[in-house]
Amino acid sequence: MTTGKRILRNEIAMPSWGGKLDALVENKLTLSHDVAELNLYETFQRAQLVELEFSSPVLTSMLTGKKVMHIDELKPFDYLPGESLVLPANKPMKIDFPEASLETPTRCIALTISGEFIQQTVNHLNEEYPRTEPDEVWEVDVNNYHFRNGLEISLLIDKIIRLYRENNVMKPFFIHKSLEELIVRLMQTQARRVLIDQARNFMNTHRLAFVVEYIRNNLTKALAIDELSNQACLSKSHFFRLFKNELGISPIQFILQERIRLAKQILTNPAKSITDACYESGFNSLTHFSNAFRTIERISPRQYKQQLS
């Protein structure tokens, strides 16, 4: 085991890196639970091709700084704050730390979760909340799944970190429930990504994919739930429930997200104004547009436009 140059307290120690981190300043805080272990890493010095793997399925999430990930034959990719990566057990990876320093450490978490616990959660979801199409089932894709955190997952990760550090007699119960929710949110995120990224490929076989494509083709029109449920050949209540179960957001939230996505594309055109982006993406009020943009992107349309120049 490589000896770290800085130890904060007894439960913080250097991980076993196979001798690859002789010069790297590294803190690791490990907090345990009966079905999951939370590791918080701080890296203070630049390094390349640092080797790491976990013995259980793992969700890693970046907090500060930047990494470059090398996994299998994939092209190396940047790993940035607000992003997460799901990996199977015993998956070797190599990591570059191109910007780490004492002043600006690279910080991330790694949450390893029992495979049995994951499967129990998946089974329960399939029993209680089956997917839209009868030939589909809920499952967790752990095959190098890299994604940007949505608001719900960001809040859950923050909550889980806080719960692990709490001194509370109910702490195991709260962690257990939060881990279940995280697994479900991950499955919804993955299902949403397939439906959103590949809607056109599945629109003839999947009712929600058809609705997603219908929304995109009619973004500038007023879209009512009645109209969308008719397109899916479902009752209004059944459509709303399936849509939210499968994609993790309501149809109205999805329409807003798609309109903001379109508005961002419009704003990349230097000749287009914020007013143009508002009305050409389906909004009928600049105030509504600005509030929705800020809620989803966490900056105003004007700030976004200024970033592009």
Protein backbone atom coordinates (compact mmCIF):
# COMPACT_ATOMS: atom_id res chain seq x y z
CA MET A 1 0.00 0.00 0.00
CA THR A 2 1.34 3.41 -0.94
CA THR A 3 1.80 5.75 1.99
CA GLY A 4 -0.06 9.07 1.72
CA LYS A 5 1.53 12.37 2.65
CA ARG A 6 -1.55 13.64 4.39
CA ILE A 7 -3.84 11.70 6.72
CA LEU A 8 -6.84 13.55 8.14
CA ARG A 9 -7.87 11.08 10.82
CA ASN A 10 -7.85 7.37 11.55
CA GLU A 11 -10.59 6.30 9.16
CA ILE A 12 -8.84 8.04 6.24
CA ALA A 13 -6.11 6.05 4.59
CA MET A 14 -4.49 5.49 1.23
CA PRO A 15 -6.23 2.96 -1.04
CA SER A 16 -4.24 0.13 -2.52
CA TRP A 17 -3.14 1.38 -5.94
CA GLY A 18 -0.61 -1.30 -6.87
CA GLY A 19 2.31 1.05 -6.30
CA LYS A 20 1.12 3.47 -8.96
CA LEU A 21 0.72 6.49 -6.68
CA ASP A 22 4.14 6.87 -5.13
CA ALA A 23 4.09 10.63 -5.65
CA LEU A 24 0.37 11.27 -5.49
CA VAL A 25 -1.12 12.93 -2.42
CA GLU A 26 -4.38 11.10 -1.77
CA ASN A 27 -7.02 11.11 0.97
CA LYS A 28 -9.67 8.43 1.12
CA LEU A 29 -12.57 8.47 3.56
CA THR A 30 -14.49 5.19 3.73
CA LEU A 31 -17.93 4.98 5.36
CA SER A 32 -19.71 1.62 5.55
CA HIS A 33 -23.31 0.40 5.50
CA ASP A 34 -24.61 -3.16 5.42
CA VAL A 35 -25.35 -3.10 1.65
CA ALA A 36 -23.09 -0.30 0.40
CA GLU A 37 -19.80 1.46 1.06
CA LEU A 38 -19.15 5.13 0.39
CA ASN A 39 -15.62 6.21 -0.52
CA LEU A 40 -14.70 9.89 -0.80
CA TYR A 41 -11.44 10.61 -2.62
CA GLU A 42 -9.33 13.76 -2.71
CA THR A 43 -6.37 13.92 -5.09
CA PHE A 44 -3.87 16.77 -4.75
CA GLN A 45 -1.30 16.14 -7.45
CA ARG A 46 -1.34 15.55 -11.19
CA ALA A 47 -0.97 11.94 -12.28
CA GLN A 48 -1.55 9.69 -15.27
CA LEU A 49 -2.90 6.18 -15.77
CA VAL A 50 -3.69 5.52 -12.11
CA GLU A 51 -5.17 2.02 -11.81
CA LEU A 52 -8.35 1.31 -9.86
CA GLU A 53 -11.17 -1.25 -9.69
CA PHE A 54 -13.93 -2.21 -7.25
CA SER A 55 -15.13 -5.64 -6.16
CA SER A 56 -18.84 -4.63 -6.30
CA PRO A 57 -20.92 -2.64 -8.79
CA VAL A 58 -20.03 1.02 -8.31
CA LEU A 59 -21.47 4.46 -8.95
CA THR A 60 -18.78 7.12 -9.08
CA SER A 61 -19.64 10.80 -9.19
CA MET A 62 -17.36 13.81 -9.71
CA LEU A 63 -17.51 16.64 -7.19
CA THR A 64 -14.65 18.99 -8.18
CA GLY A 65 -11.80 19.01 -10.66
CA LYS A 66 -11.32 16.90 -13.76
CA LYS A 67 -10.35 13.33 -14.62
CA VAL A 68 -9.69 11.59 -17.90
CA MET A 69 -11.02 8.02 -17.87
CA HIS A 70 -9.49 5.07 -19.73
CA ILE A 71 -11.85 2.07 -19.76
CA ASP A 72 -11.50 -0.98 -22.03
CA GLU A 73 -11.14 0.02 -25.66
CA LEU A 74 -13.24 3.16 -25.29
CA LYS A 75 -11.72 6.44 -26.39
CA PRO A 76 -10.48 8.28 -23.26
CA PHE A 77 -13.10 10.75 -22.08
CA ASP A 78 -13.24 13.74 -19.75
CA TYR A 79 -15.01 13.17 -16.44
CA LEU A 80 -16.30 16.41 -14.91
CA PRO A 81 -18.28 17.69 -11.88
CA GLY A 82 -21.97 16.91 -12.10
CA GLU A 83 -21.33 13.68 -14.01
CA SER A 84 -21.53 10.06 -12.86
CA LEU A 85 -20.26 6.73 -14.09
CA VAL A 86 -21.73 3.28 -13.36
CA LEU A 87 -19.38 0.31 -13.64
CA PRO A 88 -19.72 -3.44 -13.00
CA ALA A 89 -17.74 -5.28 -10.35
CA ASN A 90 -14.07 -5.95 -11.06
CA LYS A 91 -13.90 -3.53 -13.98
CA PRO A 92 -10.33 -2.20 -14.29
CA MET A 93 -9.91 1.45 -15.17
CA LYS A 94 -7.06 3.89 -15.51
CA ILE A 95 -7.41 7.54 -14.54
CA ASP A 96 -5.55 10.73 -15.40
CA PHE A 97 -5.62 13.69 -13.00
CA PRO A 98 -4.56 16.55 -15.32
CA GLU A 99 -5.41 19.49 -13.04
CA ALA A 100 -5.16 18.26 -9.43
CA SER A 101 -3.21 20.42 -6.97
CA LEU A 102 -3.14 21.28 -3.26
CA GLU A 103 -5.15 24.44 -3.99
CA THR A 104 -7.64 22.78 -6.37
CA PRO A 105 -7.95 19.09 -5.48
CA THR A 106 -9.88 16.63 -7.60
CA ARG A 107 -12.72 15.24 -5.46
CA CYS A 108 -15.10 12.39 -6.21
CA ILE A 109 -17.15 9.69 -4.54
CA ALA A 110 -17.38 5.98 -5.25
CA LEU A 111 -20.49 4.22 -3.95
CA THR A 112 -20.21 0.42 -4.12
CA ILE A 113 -23.55 -1.34 -3.76
CA SER A 114 -24.25 -5.02 -3.14
CA GLY A 115 -25.28 -6.80 -6.33
CA GLU A 116 -27.92 -8.71 -4.35
CA PHE A 117 -29.42 -5.46 -3.05
CA ILE A 118 -29.52 -4.01 -6.57
CA GLN A 119 -31.31 -7.11 -7.88
CA GLN A 120 -33.85 -7.06 -5.04
CA THR A 121 -34.68 -3.44 -5.88
CA VAL A 122 -34.97 -4.25 -9.60
CA ASN A 123 -37.26 -7.21 -8.89
CA HIS A 124 -39.51 -5.13 -6.66
CA LEU A 125 -39.81 -2.42 -9.31
CA ASN A 126 -40.70 -4.96 -12.00
CA GLU A 127 -43.39 -6.46 -9.76
CA GLU A 128 -44.96 -3.20 -8.64
CA TYR A 129 -44.30 -0.83 -11.57
CA PRO A 130 -43.93 -2.80 -14.82
CA ARG A 131 -42.65 -0.97 -17.89
CA THR A 132 -44.89 0.33 -20.65
CA GLU A 133 -44.34 -2.48 -23.15
CA PRO A 134 -44.90 -6.10 -21.99
CA ASP A 135 -41.61 -7.39 -23.45
CA GLU A 136 -39.49 -4.88 -21.48
CA VAL A 137 -38.21 -5.15 -17.92
CA TRP A 138 -36.40 -2.80 -15.58
CA GLU A 139 -32.67 -3.43 -15.29
CA VAL A 140 -29.55 -1.51 -14.31
CA ASP A 141 -27.04 -1.01 -17.11
CA VAL A 142 -23.61 -1.20 -15.46
CA ASN A 143 -21.70 -1.44 -18.72
CA ASN A 144 -19.56 1.71 -18.48
CA TYR A 145 -22.61 3.95 -18.24
CA HIS A 146 -21.51 7.60 -18.23
CA PHE A 147 -24.11 10.35 -17.80
CA ARG A 148 -24.73 13.87 -16.56
CA ASN A 149 -26.65 13.96 -13.28
CA GLY A 150 -30.20 15.22 -13.35
CA LEU A 151 -31.42 17.34 -10.47
CA GLU A 152 -32.98 14.37 -8.64
CA ILE A 153 -29.81 12.27 -8.77
CA SER A 154 -27.64 15.24 -7.75
CA LEU A 155 -29.83 15.83 -4.70
CA LEU A 156 -29.83 12.12 -3.84
CA ILE A 157 -26.03 11.88 -4.01
CA ASP A 158 -25.73 14.91 -1.71
CA LYS A 159 -28.29 13.37 0.64
CA ILE A 160 -26.52 10.00 0.75
CA ILE A 161 -23.18 11.65 1.55
CA ARG A 162 -24.85 13.57 4.37
CA LEU A 163 -26.63 10.48 5.70
CA TYR A 164 -23.41 8.46 5.84
CA ARG A 165 -21.88 11.17 8.01
CA GLU A 166 -24.87 11.58 10.32
CA ASN A 167 -24.95 10.33 13.88
CA ASN A 168 -28.54 9.13 13.89
CA VAL A 169 -30.05 5.92 15.24
CA MET A 170 -32.26 5.73 12.10
CA LYS A 171 -29.28 6.21 9.78
CA PRO A 172 -29.26 2.60 8.37
CA PHE A 173 -32.95 2.86 7.49
CA PHE A 174 -32.55 6.25 5.77
CA ILE A 175 -29.51 5.06 3.80
CA HIS A 176 -31.32 1.89 2.73
CA LYS A 177 -34.30 3.85 1.39
CA SER A 178 -32.09 6.43 -0.31
CA LEU A 179 -30.06 3.70 -2.02
CA GLU A 180 -33.28 2.11 -3.30
CA GLU A 181 -34.39 5.45 -4.69
CA LEU A 182 -30.98 6.03 -6.29
CA ILE A 183 -31.15 2.67 -8.08
CA VAL A 184 -34.67 3.42 -9.35
CA ARG A 185 -33.63 6.92 -10.48
CA LEU A 186 -30.68 5.42 -12.33
CA MET A 187 -32.94 2.97 -14.17
CA GLN A 188 -35.32 5.78 -15.07
CA THR A 189 -32.42 7.90 -16.29
CA GLN A 190 -31.17 5.05 -18.44
CA ALA A 191 -34.64 4.32 -19.84
CA ARG A 192 -35.16 8.02 -20.52
CA ARG A 193 -31.82 8.25 -22.31
CA VAL A 194 -32.71 5.36 -24.64
CA LEU A 195 -36.17 6.77 -25.36
CA ILE A 196 -34.87 10.30 -25.88
CA ASP A 197 -31.71 9.49 -27.83
CA GLN A 198 -33.22 6.71 -29.93
CA ALA A 199 -36.92 7.62 -30.04
CA ARG A 200 -37.02 7.52 -33.83
CA ASN A 201 -35.68 3.96 -33.87
CA PHE A 202 -38.36 2.70 -31.46
CA MET A 203 -41.37 4.85 -32.33
CA ASN A 204 -43.06 2.00 -34.26
CA THR A 205 -42.74 -0.47 -31.39
CA HIS A 206 -42.83 1.65 -28.23
CA ARG A 207 -45.74 3.95 -27.42
CA LEU A 208 -43.74 6.35 -25.32
CA ALA A 209 -41.02 6.60 -27.96
CA PHE A 210 -43.76 7.52 -30.43
CA VAL A 211 -45.01 10.24 -28.06
CA VAL A 212 -41.47 11.57 -27.53
CA GLU A 213 -41.05 11.94 -31.28
CA TYR A 214 -44.51 13.48 -31.59
CA ILE A 215 -43.64 16.09 -28.95
CA ARG A 216 -40.42 16.98 -30.75
CA ASN A 217 -42.25 17.43 -34.04
CA ASN A 218 -44.85 19.70 -32.43
CA LEU A 219 -42.87 21.70 -29.86
CA THR A 220 -44.10 25.08 -31.06
CA LYS A 221 -47.74 24.05 -30.63
CA ALA A 222 -49.82 23.87 -27.47
CA LEU A 223 -49.55 20.25 -26.30
CA ALA A 224 -52.23 18.92 -23.94
CA ILE A 225 -52.09 15.68 -21.97
CA ASP A 226 -55.34 14.55 -23.65
CA GLU A 227 -53.71 14.86 -27.07
CA LEU A 228 -50.57 13.00 -26.00
CA SER A 229 -52.49 10.18 -24.31
CA ASN A 230 -54.53 9.74 -27.50
CA GLN A 231 -51.31 9.45 -29.49
CA ALA A 232 -50.21 6.67 -27.10
CA CYS A 233 -53.63 4.98 -27.26
CA LEU A 234 -53.87 5.14 -23.47
CA SER A 235 -56.24 6.74 -21.01
CA LYS A 236 -55.09 10.10 -19.67
CA SER A 237 -54.36 8.78 -16.16
CA HIS A 238 -52.64 5.61 -17.42
CA PHE A 239 -50.51 7.58 -19.88
CA PHE A 240 -49.44 10.09 -17.23
CA ARG A 241 -48.50 7.35 -14.75
CA LEU A 242 -46.54 5.27 -17.30
CA PHE A 243 -44.72 8.30 -18.67
CA LYS A 244 -43.61 9.44 -15.24
CA ASN A 245 -42.69 5.92 -14.11
CA GLU A 246 -40.63 5.23 -17.22
CA LEU A 247 -38.93 8.59 -17.77
CA GLY A 248 -38.84 9.84 -14.18
CA ILE A 249 -40.47 13.16 -15.11
CA SER A 250 -43.98 14.24 -16.09
CA PRO A 251 -44.96 14.89 -19.73
CA ILE A 252 -45.14 18.63 -18.98
CA GLN A 253 -41.61 18.61 -17.54
CA PHE A 254 -40.37 16.72 -20.59
CA ILE A 255 -41.97 19.26 -22.95
CA LEU A 256 -40.26 22.07 -21.03
CA GLN A 257 -36.89 20.29 -21.23
CA GLU A 258 -37.28 19.75 -24.97
CA ARG A 259 -38.24 23.38 -25.55
CA ILE A 260 -35.21 24.54 -23.56
CA ARG A 261 -33.01 22.14 -25.57
CA LEU A 262 -34.35 23.69 -28.79
CA ALA A 263 -33.90 27.20 -27.39
CA LYS A 264 -30.24 26.46 -26.65
CA GLN A 265 -29.74 25.39 -30.25
CA ILE A 266 -31.35 28.63 -31.45
CA LEU A 267 -29.17 30.72 -29.12
CA THR A 268 -26.01 29.30 -30.71
CA ASN A 269 -26.93 31.33 -33.80
CA PRO A 270 -25.35 34.80 -33.34
CA ALA A 271 -28.15 36.35 -35.41
CA LYS A 272 -30.85 35.09 -33.03
CA SER A 273 -31.95 37.00 -29.93
CA ILE A 274 -33.32 35.72 -26.64
CA THR A 275 -36.77 36.79 -27.80
CA ASP A 276 -36.32 34.72 -30.98
CA ALA A 277 -35.29 31.68 -28.91
CA CYS A 278 -38.31 32.12 -26.65
CA TYR A 279 -41.01 32.16 -29.30
CA GLU A 280 -39.32 29.82 -31.80
CA SER A 281 -39.01 27.10 -29.14
CA GLY A 282 -42.71 27.15 -28.26
CA PHE A 283 -42.93 29.56 -25.31
CA ASN A 284 -45.47 32.38 -25.42
CA SER A 285 -44.02 34.46 -22.58
CA LEU A 286 -40.49 35.78 -22.06
CA THR A 287 -40.95 35.54 -18.29
CA HIS A 288 -42.02 31.90 -18.47
CA PHE A 289 -39.15 31.15 -20.84
CA SER A 290 -36.57 32.83 -18.61
CA ASN A 291 -37.83 31.09 -15.45
CA ALA A 292 -37.93 27.66 -17.14
CA PHE A 293 -34.47 28.16 -18.63
CA ARG A 294 -32.99 29.14 -15.28
CA THR A 295 -34.66 26.20 -13.50
CA ILE A 296 -33.31 23.64 -15.98
CA GLU A 297 -29.91 25.14 -16.90
CA ARG A 298 -29.27 27.01 -13.62
CA ILE A 299 -28.29 30.12 -15.53
CA SER A 300 -30.37 32.73 -17.37
CA PRO A 301 -30.78 32.71 -21.18
CA ARG A 302 -28.72 35.91 -21.31
CA GLN A 303 -25.86 34.33 -19.36
CA TYR A 304 -26.00 31.27 -21.62
CA LYS A 305 -25.86 33.49 -24.71
CA GLN A 306 -22.90 35.42 -23.28
CA GLN A 307 -21.00 32.15 -22.67
CA LEU A 308 -21.24 31.36 -26.37
CA SER A 309 -19.69 34.62 -27.52
